[in-house]
Amino acid sequence: MVSVSDEKYKITGVYQGKILAAVGVKNSHEIKSTYPLYPIVQTPDGPKILSEIDLFYSHNRGREFLNKTSFERLEKLISPIAADELKVLYAEHQKQIKAIEDEESR
């Protein structure tokens, strides 16, 4: 269980669209931090995290390829419109994490 004082995990942003919402997280490791983005969709049973959509902040081609694959999966899972909206939310996440990394490197 993660305690409130545990700095390993931190919400970096909450992004809201018309179809989806997404939550950005900083996941700190000893060597390097990762920044996943968890998309959330409203279902008749309530909100659902789309764990099969694997998006992370990226600045390398390998991760960008994996993110692209996740957007393609979302197009098939929900719709191309939802995928386009998530791309906008993801771009906001990328911008936010870039700002965090720039601030931390000062």
PDB file of N, CA and C in Angstrom:
ATOM      1  N   MET A   1       0.836  -1.174   0.000  1.00  0.00           N
ATOM      2  CA  MET A   1       0.000   0.000   0.000  1.00  0.00           C
ATOM      3  C   MET A   1       0.889   1.248   0.000  1.00  0.00           C
ATOM      4  N   VAL A   2       0.500   2.262  -0.719  1.00  0.00           N
ATOM      5  CA  VAL A   2       1.276   3.492  -0.823  1.00  0.00           C
ATOM      6  C   VAL A   2       0.745   4.488   0.202  1.00  0.00           C
ATOM      7  N   SER A   3       1.642   5.018   0.994  1.00  0.00           N
ATOM      8  CA  SER A   3       1.229   6.023   1.974  1.00  0.00           C
ATOM      9  C   SER A   3       1.262   7.407   1.334  1.00  0.00           C
ATOM     10  N   VAL A   4       0.598   8.349   1.978  1.00  0.00           N
ATOM     11  CA  VAL A   4       0.545   9.718   1.467  1.00  0.00           C
ATOM     12  C   VAL A   4       1.933  10.331   1.401  1.00  0.00           C
ATOM     13  N   SER A   5       2.805   9.956   2.315  1.00  0.00           N
ATOM     14  CA  SER A   5       4.145  10.542   2.343  1.00  0.00           C
ATOM     15  C   SER A   5       5.109   9.865   1.368  1.00  0.00           C
ATOM     16  N   ASP A   6       4.662   8.811   0.716  1.00  0.00           N
ATOM     17  CA  ASP A   6       5.514   8.089  -0.224  1.00  0.00           C
ATOM     18  C   ASP A   6       5.680   8.915  -1.500  1.00  0.00           C
ATOM     19  N   GLU A   7       6.899   9.303  -1.807  1.00  0.00           N
ATOM     20  CA  GLU A   7       7.162  10.143  -2.972  1.00  0.00           C
ATOM     21  C   GLU A   7       7.466   9.334  -4.226  1.00  0.00           C
ATOM     22  N   LYS A   8       7.301   8.023  -4.182  1.00  0.00           N
ATOM     23  CA  LYS A   8       7.545   7.203  -5.361  1.00  0.00           C
ATOM     24  C   LYS A   8       6.518   7.482  -6.456  1.00  0.00           C
ATOM     25  N   TYR A   9       5.308   7.837  -6.048  1.00  0.00           N
ATOM     26  CA  TYR A   9       4.224   8.068  -6.995  1.00  0.00           C
ATOM     27  C   TYR A   9       3.614   9.438  -6.734  1.00  0.00           C
ATOM     28  N   LYS A  10       3.405  10.171  -7.819  1.00  0.00           N
ATOM     29  CA  LYS A  10       2.856  11.516  -7.673  1.00  0.00           C
ATOM     30  C   LYS A  10       2.012  11.825  -8.902  1.00  0.00           C
ATOM     31  N   ILE A  11       0.817  12.351  -8.700  1.00  0.00           N
ATOM     32  CA  ILE A  11      -0.013  12.773  -9.827  1.00  0.00           C
ATOM     33  C   ILE A  11       0.590  14.043 -10.407  1.00  0.00           C
ATOM     34  N   THR A  12       0.846  14.021 -11.702  1.00  0.00           N
ATOM     35  CA  THR A  12       1.452  15.179 -12.362  1.00  0.00           C
ATOM     36  C   THR A  12       0.430  16.029 -13.106  1.00  0.00           C
ATOM     37  N   GLY A  13      -0.737  15.450 -13.395  1.00  0.00           N
ATOM     38  CA  GLY A  13      -1.756  16.219 -14.100  1.00  0.00           C
ATOM     39  C   GLY A  13      -3.021  15.404 -14.304  1.00  0.00           C
ATOM     40  N   VAL A  14      -4.125  16.118 -14.392  1.00  0.00           N
ATOM     41  CA  VAL A  14      -5.413  15.511 -14.727  1.00  0.00           C
ATOM     42  C   VAL A  14      -5.910  16.250 -15.959  1.00  0.00           C
ATOM     43  N   TYR A  15      -6.248  15.503 -16.984  1.00  0.00           N
ATOM     44  CA  TYR A  15      -6.607  16.075 -18.281  1.00  0.00           C
ATOM     45  C   TYR A  15      -8.021  15.627 -18.638  1.00  0.00           C
ATOM     46  N   GLN A  16      -8.854  16.562 -19.074  1.00  0.00           N
ATOM     47  CA  GLN A  16     -10.256  16.250 -19.330  1.00  0.00           C
ATOM     48  C   GLN A  16     -10.627  16.554 -20.765  1.00  0.00           C
ATOM     49  N   GLY A  17     -11.211  15.572 -21.439  1.00  0.00           N
ATOM     50  CA  GLY A  17     -11.764  15.757 -22.766  1.00  0.00           C
ATOM     51  C   GLY A  17     -13.264  15.545 -22.706  1.00  0.00           C
ATOM     52  N   LYS A  18     -13.903  15.441 -23.867  1.00  0.00           N
ATOM     53  CA  LYS A  18     -15.345  15.195 -23.902  1.00  0.00           C
ATOM     54  C   LYS A  18     -15.659  13.706 -23.775  1.00  0.00           C
ATOM     55  N   ILE A  19     -14.800  12.861 -24.303  1.00  0.00           N
ATOM     56  CA  ILE A  19     -15.022  11.412 -24.286  1.00  0.00           C
ATOM     57  C   ILE A  19     -14.212  10.747 -23.185  1.00  0.00           C
ATOM     58  N   LEU A  20     -12.990  11.233 -22.991  1.00  0.00           N
ATOM     59  CA  LEU A  20     -12.044  10.622 -22.068  1.00  0.00           C
ATOM     60  C   LEU A  20     -11.513  11.639 -21.076  1.00  0.00           C
ATOM     61  N   ALA A  21     -10.981  11.120 -20.008  1.00  0.00           N
ATOM     62  CA  ALA A  21     -10.135  11.884 -19.098  1.00  0.00           C
ATOM     63  C   ALA A  21      -8.843  11.085 -18.997  1.00  0.00           C
ATOM     64  N   ALA A  22      -7.814  11.683 -18.443  1.00  0.00           N
ATOM     65  CA  ALA A  22      -6.547  10.971 -18.267  1.00  0.00           C
ATOM     66  C   ALA A  22      -5.829  11.537 -17.055  1.00  0.00           C
ATOM     67  N   VAL A  23      -5.080  10.674 -16.400  1.00  0.00           N
ATOM     68  CA  VAL A  23      -4.307  11.080 -15.236  1.00  0.00           C
ATOM     69  C   VAL A  23      -2.839  10.759 -15.508  1.00  0.00           C
ATOM     70  N   GLY A  24      -1.990  11.775 -15.365  1.00  0.00           N
ATOM     71  CA  GLY A  24      -0.552  11.598 -15.504  1.00  0.00           C
ATOM     72  C   GLY A  24       0.068  11.339 -14.142  1.00  0.00           C
ATOM     73  N   VAL A  25       1.048  10.444 -14.108  1.00  0.00           N
ATOM     74  CA  VAL A  25       1.683  10.050 -12.853  1.00  0.00           C
ATOM     75  C   VAL A  25       3.196  10.059 -13.021  1.00  0.00           C
ATOM     76  N   LYS A  26       3.882  10.502 -11.973  1.00  0.00           N
ATOM     77  CA  LYS A  26       5.336  10.356 -11.910  1.00  0.00           C
ATOM     78  C   LYS A  26       5.611   9.126 -11.061  1.00  0.00           C
ATOM     79  N   ASN A  27       6.307   8.167 -11.639  1.00  0.00           N
ATOM     80  CA  ASN A  27       6.633   6.910 -10.982  1.00  0.00           C
ATOM     81  C   ASN A  27       8.151   6.917 -10.783  1.00  0.00           C
ATOM     82  N   SER A  28       8.601   7.262  -9.583  1.00  0.00           N
ATOM     83  CA  SER A  28      10.036   7.412  -9.324  1.00  0.00           C
ATOM     84  C   SER A  28      10.686   6.081  -9.001  1.00  0.00           C
ATOM     85  N   HIS A  29      11.797   5.847  -9.675  1.00  0.00           N
ATOM     86  CA  HIS A  29      12.629   4.672  -9.427  1.00  0.00           C
ATOM     87  C   HIS A  29      14.001   5.178  -8.998  1.00  0.00           C
ATOM     88  N   GLU A  30      14.823   4.285  -8.502  1.00  0.00           N
ATOM     89  CA  GLU A  30      16.158   4.694  -8.051  1.00  0.00           C
ATOM     90  C   GLU A  30      16.976   5.326  -9.174  1.00  0.00           C
ATOM     91  N   ILE A  31      16.877   4.768 -10.367  1.00  0.00           N
ATOM     92  CA  ILE A  31      17.702   5.238 -11.476  1.00  0.00           C
ATOM     93  C   ILE A  31      17.005   6.335 -12.289  1.00  0.00           C
ATOM     94  N   LYS A  32      15.728   6.123 -12.585  1.00  0.00           N
ATOM     95  CA  LYS A  32      15.042   7.013 -13.508  1.00  0.00           C
ATOM     96  C   LYS A  32      13.545   7.032 -13.205  1.00  0.00           C
ATOM     97  N   SER A  33      12.914   8.164 -13.433  1.00  0.00           N
ATOM     98  CA  SER A  33      11.467   8.267 -13.276  1.00  0.00           C
ATOM     99  C   SER A  33      10.780   7.981 -14.602  1.00  0.00           C
ATOM    100  N   THR A  34       9.591   7.403 -14.522  1.00  0.00           N
ATOM    101  CA  THR A  34       8.748   7.226 -15.698  1.00  0.00           C
ATOM    102  C   THR A  34       7.473   8.022 -15.481  1.00  0.00           C
ATOM    103  N   TYR A  35       6.808   8.341 -16.581  1.00  0.00           N
ATOM    104  CA  TYR A  35       5.629   9.195 -16.518  1.00  0.00           C
ATOM    105  C   TYR A  35       4.488   8.598 -17.341  1.00  0.00           C
ATOM    106  N   PRO A  36       3.775   7.614 -16.788  1.00  0.00           N
ATOM    107  CA  PRO A  36       2.657   7.044 -17.519  1.00  0.00           C
ATOM    108  C   PRO A  36       1.457   7.986 -17.542  1.00  0.00           C
ATOM    109  N   LEU A  37       0.628   7.789 -18.547  1.00  0.00           N
ATOM    110  CA  LEU A  37      -0.638   8.507 -18.663  1.00  0.00           C
ATOM    111  C   LEU A  37      -1.737   7.455 -18.693  1.00  0.00           C
ATOM    112  N   TYR A  38      -2.655   7.527 -17.744  1.00  0.00           N
ATOM    113  CA  TYR A  38      -3.729   6.542 -17.630  1.00  0.00           C
ATOM    114  C   TYR A  38      -5.034   7.124 -18.158  1.00  0.00           C
ATOM    115  N   PRO A  39      -5.498   6.653 -19.316  1.00  0.00           N
ATOM    116  CA  PRO A  39      -6.771   7.145 -19.850  1.00  0.00           C
ATOM    117  C   PRO A  39      -7.944   6.501 -19.103  1.00  0.00           C
ATOM    118  N   ILE A  40      -8.992   7.287 -18.937  1.00  0.00           N
ATOM    119  CA  ILE A  40     -10.190   6.846 -18.222  1.00  0.00           C
ATOM    120  C   ILE A  40     -11.397   7.159 -19.090  1.00  0.00           C
ATOM    121  N   VAL A  41     -12.301   6.189 -19.201  1.00  0.00           N
ATOM    122  CA  VAL A  41     -13.515   6.369 -19.988  1.00  0.00           C
ATOM    123  C   VAL A  41     -14.713   6.103 -19.073  1.00  0.00           C
ATOM    124  N   GLN A  42     -15.800   6.829 -19.304  1.00  0.00           N
ATOM    125  CA  GLN A  42     -17.027   6.611 -18.550  1.00  0.00           C
ATOM    126  C   GLN A  42     -17.802   5.462 -19.184  1.00  0.00           C
ATOM    127  N   THR A  43     -18.191   4.477 -18.387  1.00  0.00           N
ATOM    128  CA  THR A  43     -18.995   3.359 -18.865  1.00  0.00           C
ATOM    129  C   THR A  43     -20.322   3.365 -18.106  1.00  0.00           C
ATOM    130  N   PRO A  44     -21.286   2.577 -18.536  1.00  0.00           N
ATOM    131  CA  PRO A  44     -22.545   2.493 -17.783  1.00  0.00           C
ATOM    132  C   PRO A  44     -22.341   2.038 -16.332  1.00  0.00           C
ATOM    133  N   ASP A  45     -21.245   1.302 -16.080  1.00  0.00           N
ATOM    134  CA  ASP A  45     -20.942   0.835 -14.727  1.00  0.00           C
ATOM    135  C   ASP A  45     -20.047   1.792 -13.949  1.00  0.00           C
ATOM    136  N   GLY A  46     -19.712   2.936 -14.540  1.00  0.00           N
ATOM    137  CA  GLY A  46     -18.841   3.906 -13.885  1.00  0.00           C
ATOM    138  C   GLY A  46     -17.535   4.067 -14.637  1.00  0.00           C
ATOM    139  N   PRO A  47     -16.627   4.891 -14.114  1.00  0.00           N
ATOM    140  CA  PRO A  47     -15.353   5.133 -14.789  1.00  0.00           C
ATOM    141  C   PRO A  47     -14.499   3.868 -14.873  1.00  0.00           C
ATOM    142  N   LYS A  48     -13.776   3.739 -15.984  1.00  0.00           N
ATOM    143  CA  LYS A  48     -12.886   2.591 -16.185  1.00  0.00           C
ATOM    144  C   LYS A  48     -11.534   3.086 -16.683  1.00  0.00           C
ATOM    145  N   ILE A  49     -10.469   2.662 -16.010  1.00  0.00           N
ATOM    146  CA  ILE A  49      -9.117   2.944 -16.484  1.00  0.00           C
ATOM    147  C   ILE A  49      -8.823   1.976 -17.620  1.00  0.00           C
ATOM    148  N   LEU A  50      -8.371   2.510 -18.734  1.00  0.00           N
ATOM    149  CA  LEU A  50      -8.058   1.676 -19.900  1.00  0.00           C
ATOM    150  C   LEU A  50      -6.621   1.176 -19.786  1.00  0.00           C
ATOM    151  N   SER A  51      -6.429   0.144 -18.973  1.00  0.00           N
ATOM    152  CA  SER A  51      -5.074  -0.346 -18.699  1.00  0.00           C
ATOM    153  C   SER A  51      -4.408  -0.945 -19.938  1.00  0.00           C
ATOM    154  N   GLU A  52      -5.210  -1.323 -20.935  1.00  0.00           N
ATOM    155  CA  GLU A  52      -4.630  -1.882 -22.163  1.00  0.00           C
ATOM    156  C   GLU A  52      -4.034  -0.796 -23.061  1.00  0.00           C
ATOM    157  N   ILE A  53      -4.270   0.468 -22.729  1.00  0.00           N
ATOM    158  CA  ILE A  53      -3.678   1.590 -23.466  1.00  0.00           C
ATOM    159  C   ILE A  53      -2.449   2.033 -22.682  1.00  0.00           C
ATOM    160  N   ASP A  54      -1.284   1.695 -23.195  1.00  0.00           N
ATOM    161  CA  ASP A  54      -0.008   1.836 -22.502  1.00  0.00           C
ATOM    162  C   ASP A  54       0.738   3.071 -23.022  1.00  0.00           C
ATOM    163  N   LEU A  55       0.504   4.213 -22.397  1.00  0.00           N
ATOM    164  CA  LEU A  55       1.137   5.463 -22.837  1.00  0.00           C
ATOM    165  C   LEU A  55       2.113   5.969 -21.779  1.00  0.00           C
ATOM    166  N   PHE A  56       3.285   6.380 -22.231  1.00  0.00           N
ATOM    167  CA  PHE A  56       4.290   6.969 -21.358  1.00  0.00           C
ATOM    168  C   PHE A  56       4.884   8.195 -22.038  1.00  0.00           C
ATOM    169  N   TYR A  57       5.277   9.169 -21.217  1.00  0.00           N
ATOM    170  CA  TYR A  57       6.053  10.304 -21.718  1.00  0.00           C
ATOM    171  C   TYR A  57       7.253   9.738 -22.460  1.00  0.00           C
ATOM    172  N   SER A  58       7.533  10.293 -23.612  1.00  0.00           N
ATOM    173  CA  SER A  58       8.650   9.749 -24.385  1.00  0.00           C
ATOM    174  C   SER A  58       9.483  10.843 -25.012  1.00  0.00           C
ATOM    175  N   HIS A  59      10.725  10.516 -25.168  1.00  0.00           N
ATOM    176  CA  HIS A  59      11.628  11.338 -25.964  1.00  0.00           C
ATOM    177  C   HIS A  59      12.592  10.426 -26.706  1.00  0.00           C
ATOM    178  N   ASN A  60      12.091   9.197 -27.016  1.00  0.00           N
ATOM    179  CA  ASN A  60      12.887   8.301 -27.862  1.00  0.00           C
ATOM    180  C   ASN A  60      11.961   7.561 -28.824  1.00  0.00           C
ATOM    181  N   ARG A  61      12.518   7.114 -29.920  1.00  0.00           N
ATOM    182  CA  ARG A  61      11.715   6.526 -31.001  1.00  0.00           C
ATOM    183  C   ARG A  61      11.040   5.220 -30.604  1.00  0.00           C
ATOM    184  N   GLY A  62      11.687   4.434 -29.780  1.00  0.00           N
ATOM    185  CA  GLY A  62      11.101   3.166 -29.357  1.00  0.00           C
ATOM    186  C   GLY A  62       9.805   3.370 -28.581  1.00  0.00           C
ATOM    187  N   ARG A  63       9.838   4.288 -27.623  1.00  0.00           N
ATOM    188  CA  ARG A  63       8.638   4.558 -26.826  1.00  0.00           C
ATOM    189  C   ARG A  63       7.565   5.222 -27.685  1.00  0.00           C
ATOM    190  N   GLU A  64       7.982   6.087 -28.607  1.00  0.00           N
ATOM    191  CA  GLU A  64       7.007   6.728 -29.501  1.00  0.00           C
ATOM    192  C   GLU A  64       6.285   5.683 -30.345  1.00  0.00           C
ATOM    193  N   PHE A  65       6.996   4.658 -30.794  1.00  0.00           N
ATOM    194  CA  PHE A  65       6.374   3.574 -31.559  1.00  0.00           C
ATOM    195  C   PHE A  65       5.340   2.843 -30.704  1.00  0.00           C
ATOM    196  N   LEU A  66       5.695   2.531 -29.457  1.00  0.00           N
ATOM    197  CA  LEU A  66       4.765   1.847 -28.561  1.00  0.00           C
ATOM    198  C   LEU A  66       3.541   2.708 -28.265  1.00  0.00           C
ATOM    199  N   ASN A  67       3.752   4.003 -28.080  1.00  0.00           N
ATOM    200  CA  ASN A  67       2.617   4.905 -27.857  1.00  0.00           C
ATOM    201  C   ASN A  67       1.702   4.933 -29.077  1.00  0.00           C
ATOM    202  N   LYS A  68       2.299   4.988 -30.262  1.00  0.00           N
ATOM    203  CA  LYS A  68       1.505   4.983 -31.506  1.00  0.00           C
ATOM    204  C   LYS A  68       0.652   3.723 -31.589  1.00  0.00           C
ATOM    205  N   THR A  69       1.223   2.599 -31.207  1.00  0.00           N
ATOM    206  CA  THR A  69       0.481   1.339 -31.195  1.00  0.00           C
ATOM    207  C   THR A  69      -0.706   1.409 -30.227  1.00  0.00           C
ATOM    208  N   SER A  70      -0.517   2.066 -29.100  1.00  0.00           N
ATOM    209  CA  SER A  70      -1.615   2.227 -28.143  1.00  0.00           C
ATOM    210  C   SER A  70      -2.738   3.086 -28.720  1.00  0.00           C
ATOM    211  N   PHE A  71      -2.389   4.138 -29.441  1.00  0.00           N
ATOM    212  CA  PHE A  71      -3.426   4.964 -30.073  1.00  0.00           C
ATOM    213  C   PHE A  71      -4.203   4.147 -31.115  1.00  0.00           C
ATOM    214  N   GLU A  72      -3.495   3.324 -31.872  1.00  0.00           N
ATOM    215  CA  GLU A  72      -4.161   2.465 -32.865  1.00  0.00           C
ATOM    216  C   GLU A  72      -5.097   1.468 -32.181  1.00  0.00           C
ATOM    217  N   ARG A  73      -4.663   0.933 -31.057  1.00  0.00           N
ATOM    218  CA  ARG A  73      -5.497   0.004 -30.292  1.00  0.00           C
ATOM    219  C   ARG A  73      -6.762   0.708 -29.800  1.00  0.00           C
ATOM    220  N   LEU A  74      -6.629   1.955 -29.348  1.00  0.00           N
ATOM    221  CA  LEU A  74      -7.783   2.711 -28.869  1.00  0.00           C
ATOM    222  C   LEU A  74      -8.773   2.985 -29.995  1.00  0.00           C
ATOM    223  N   GLU A  75      -8.272   3.250 -31.201  1.00  0.00           N
ATOM    224  CA  GLU A  75      -9.158   3.455 -32.355  1.00  0.00           C
ATOM    225  C   GLU A  75     -10.073   2.251 -32.550  1.00  0.00           C
ATOM    226  N   LYS A  76      -9.511   1.058 -32.390  1.00  0.00           N
ATOM    227  CA  LYS A  76     -10.295  -0.169 -32.573  1.00  0.00           C
ATOM    228  C   LYS A  76     -11.183  -0.452 -31.363  1.00  0.00           C
ATOM    229  N   LEU A  77     -10.700  -0.128 -30.178  1.00  0.00           N
ATOM    230  CA  LEU A  77     -11.406  -0.418 -28.941  1.00  0.00           C
ATOM    231  C   LEU A  77     -12.620   0.487 -28.746  1.00  0.00           C
ATOM    232  N   ILE A  78     -12.458   1.781 -28.998  1.00  0.00           N
ATOM    233  CA  ILE A  78     -13.551   2.734 -28.781  1.00  0.00           C
ATOM    234  C   ILE A  78     -13.925   3.419 -30.091  1.00  0.00           C
ATOM    235  N   SER A  79     -13.037   4.292 -30.587  1.00  0.00           N
ATOM    236  CA  SER A  79     -13.314   4.974 -31.854  1.00  0.00           C
ATOM    237  C   SER A  79     -12.112   5.826 -32.257  1.00  0.00           C
ATOM    238  N   PRO A  80     -12.026   6.167 -33.543  1.00  0.00           N
ATOM    239  CA  PRO A  80     -10.965   7.086 -33.976  1.00  0.00           C
ATOM    240  C   PRO A  80     -11.101   8.464 -33.312  1.00  0.00           C
ATOM    241  N   ILE A  81     -12.327   8.895 -33.049  1.00  0.00           N
ATOM    242  CA  ILE A  81     -12.536  10.197 -32.395  1.00  0.00           C
ATOM    243  C   ILE A  81     -11.948  10.176 -30.989  1.00  0.00           C
ATOM    244  N   ALA A  82     -12.165   9.087 -30.264  1.00  0.00           N
ATOM    245  CA  ALA A  82     -11.597   8.962 -28.917  1.00  0.00           C
ATOM    246  C   ALA A  82     -10.071   8.959 -28.981  1.00  0.00           C
ATOM    247  N   ALA A  83      -9.520   8.275 -29.965  1.00  0.00           N
ATOM    248  CA  ALA A  83      -8.061   8.234 -30.117  1.00  0.00           C
ATOM    249  C   ALA A  83      -7.512   9.627 -30.406  1.00  0.00           C
ATOM    250  N   ASP A  84      -8.194  10.376 -31.263  1.00  0.00           N
ATOM    251  CA  ASP A  84      -7.751  11.745 -31.554  1.00  0.00           C
ATOM    252  C   ASP A  84      -7.806  12.614 -30.302  1.00  0.00           C
ATOM    253  N   GLU A  85      -8.863  12.448 -29.516  1.00  0.00           N
ATOM    254  CA  GLU A  85      -8.975  13.228 -28.283  1.00  0.00           C
ATOM    255  C   GLU A  85      -7.865  12.862 -27.309  1.00  0.00           C
ATOM    256  N   LEU A  86      -7.568  11.562 -27.200  1.00  0.00           N
ATOM    257  CA  LEU A  86      -6.499  11.150 -26.299  1.00  0.00           C
ATOM    258  C   LEU A  86      -5.149  11.677 -26.774  1.00  0.00           C
ATOM    259  N   LYS A  87      -4.952  11.806 -28.067  1.00  0.00           N
ATOM    260  CA  LYS A  87      -3.710  12.384 -28.585  1.00  0.00           C
ATOM    261  C   LYS A  87      -3.535  13.817 -28.095  1.00  0.00           C
ATOM    262  N   VAL A  88      -4.637  14.560 -28.031  1.00  0.00           N
ATOM    263  CA  VAL A  88      -4.593  15.945 -27.522  1.00  0.00           C
ATOM    264  C   VAL A  88      -4.246  15.934 -26.032  1.00  0.00           C
ATOM    265  N   LEU A  89      -4.894  15.062 -25.267  1.00  0.00           N
ATOM    266  CA  LEU A  89      -4.605  14.961 -23.831  1.00  0.00           C
ATOM    267  C   LEU A  89      -3.170  14.513 -23.610  1.00  0.00           C
ATOM    268  N   TYR A  90      -2.699  13.586 -24.443  1.00  0.00           N
ATOM    269  CA  TYR A  90      -1.323  13.109 -24.334  1.00  0.00           C
ATOM    270  C   TYR A  90      -0.329  14.238 -24.634  1.00  0.00           C
ATOM    271  N   ALA A  91      -0.631  15.068 -25.619  1.00  0.00           N
ATOM    272  CA  ALA A  91       0.246  16.202 -25.938  1.00  0.00           C
ATOM    273  C   ALA A  91       0.345  17.157 -24.743  1.00  0.00           C
ATOM    274  N   GLU A  92      -0.768  17.360 -24.044  1.00  0.00           N
ATOM    275  CA  GLU A  92      -0.741  18.187 -22.829  1.00  0.00           C
ATOM    276  C   GLU A  92       0.138  17.533 -21.762  1.00  0.00           C
ATOM    277  N   HIS A  93       0.017  16.221 -21.632  1.00  0.00           N
ATOM    278  CA  HIS A  93       0.839  15.463 -20.680  1.00  0.00           C
ATOM    279  C   HIS A  93       2.325  15.607 -21.032  1.00  0.00           C
ATOM    280  N   GLN A  94       2.656  15.441 -22.308  1.00  0.00           N
ATOM    281  CA  GLN A  94       4.048  15.582 -22.754  1.00  0.00           C
ATOM    282  C   GLN A  94       4.596  16.967 -22.378  1.00  0.00           C
ATOM    283  N   LYS A  95       3.800  17.986 -22.642  1.00  0.00           N
ATOM    284  CA  LYS A  95       4.226  19.360 -22.350  1.00  0.00           C
ATOM    285  C   LYS A  95       4.436  19.554 -20.842  1.00  0.00           C
ATOM    286  N   GLN A  96       3.512  19.021 -20.034  1.00  0.00           N
ATOM    287  CA  GLN A  96       3.615  19.134 -18.577  1.00  0.00           C
ATOM    288  C   GLN A  96       4.869  18.429 -18.059  1.00  0.00           C
ATOM    289  N   ILE A  97       5.136  17.234 -18.545  1.00  0.00           N
ATOM    290  CA  ILE A  97       6.294  16.476 -18.066  1.00  0.00           C
ATOM    291  C   ILE A  97       7.597  17.128 -18.521  1.00  0.00           C
ATOM    292  N   LYS A  98       7.614  17.649 -19.716  1.00  0.00           N
ATOM    293  CA  LYS A  98       8.798  18.375 -20.197  1.00  0.00           C
ATOM    294  C   LYS A  98       9.109  19.536 -19.262  1.00  0.00           C
ATOM    295  N   ALA A  99       8.067  20.278 -18.854  1.00  0.00           N
ATOM    296  CA  ALA A  99       8.253  21.401 -17.931  1.00  0.00           C
ATOM    297  C   ALA A  99       8.771  20.914 -16.573  1.00  0.00           C
ATOM    298  N   ILE A 100       8.252  19.791 -16.098  1.00  0.00           N
ATOM    299  CA  ILE A 100       8.717  19.228 -14.821  1.00  0.00           C
ATOM    300  C   ILE A 100      10.179  18.825 -14.919  1.00  0.00           C
ATOM    301  N   GLU A 101      10.542  18.140 -15.992  1.00  0.00           N
ATOM    302  CA  GLU A 101      11.932  17.721 -16.160  1.00  0.00           C
ATOM    303  C   GLU A 101      12.869  18.921 -16.288  1.00  0.00           C
ATOM    304  N   ASP A 102      12.439  19.957 -17.029  1.00  0.00           N
ATOM    305  CA  ASP A 102      13.262  21.160 -17.159  1.00  0.00           C
ATOM    306  C   ASP A 102      13.473  21.825 -15.802  1.00  0.00           C
ATOM    307  N   GLU A 103      12.420  21.882 -15.000  1.00  0.00           N
ATOM    308  CA  GLU A 103      12.507  22.495 -13.668  1.00  0.00           C
ATOM    309  C   GLU A 103      13.430  21.680 -12.750  1.00  0.00           C
ATOM    310  N   GLU A 104      13.317  20.366 -12.816  1.00  0.00           N
ATOM    311  CA  GLU A 104      14.142  19.516 -11.964  1.00  0.00           C
ATOM    312  C   GLU A 104      15.620  19.542 -12.352  1.00  0.00           C
ATOM    313  N   SER A 105      15.904  19.832 -13.616  1.00  0.00           N
ATOM    314  CA  SER A 105      17.303  19.845 -14.060  1.00  0.00           C
ATOM    315  C   SER A 105      18.009  21.166 -13.731  1.00  0.00           C
ATOM    316  N   ARG A 106      17.283  22.130 -13.243  1.00  0.00           N
ATOM    317  CA  ARG A 106      17.903  23.428 -12.888  1.00  0.00           C
ATOM    318  C   ARG A 106      18.578  23.375 -11.555  1.00  0.00           C
TER     319      ARG A 106
END
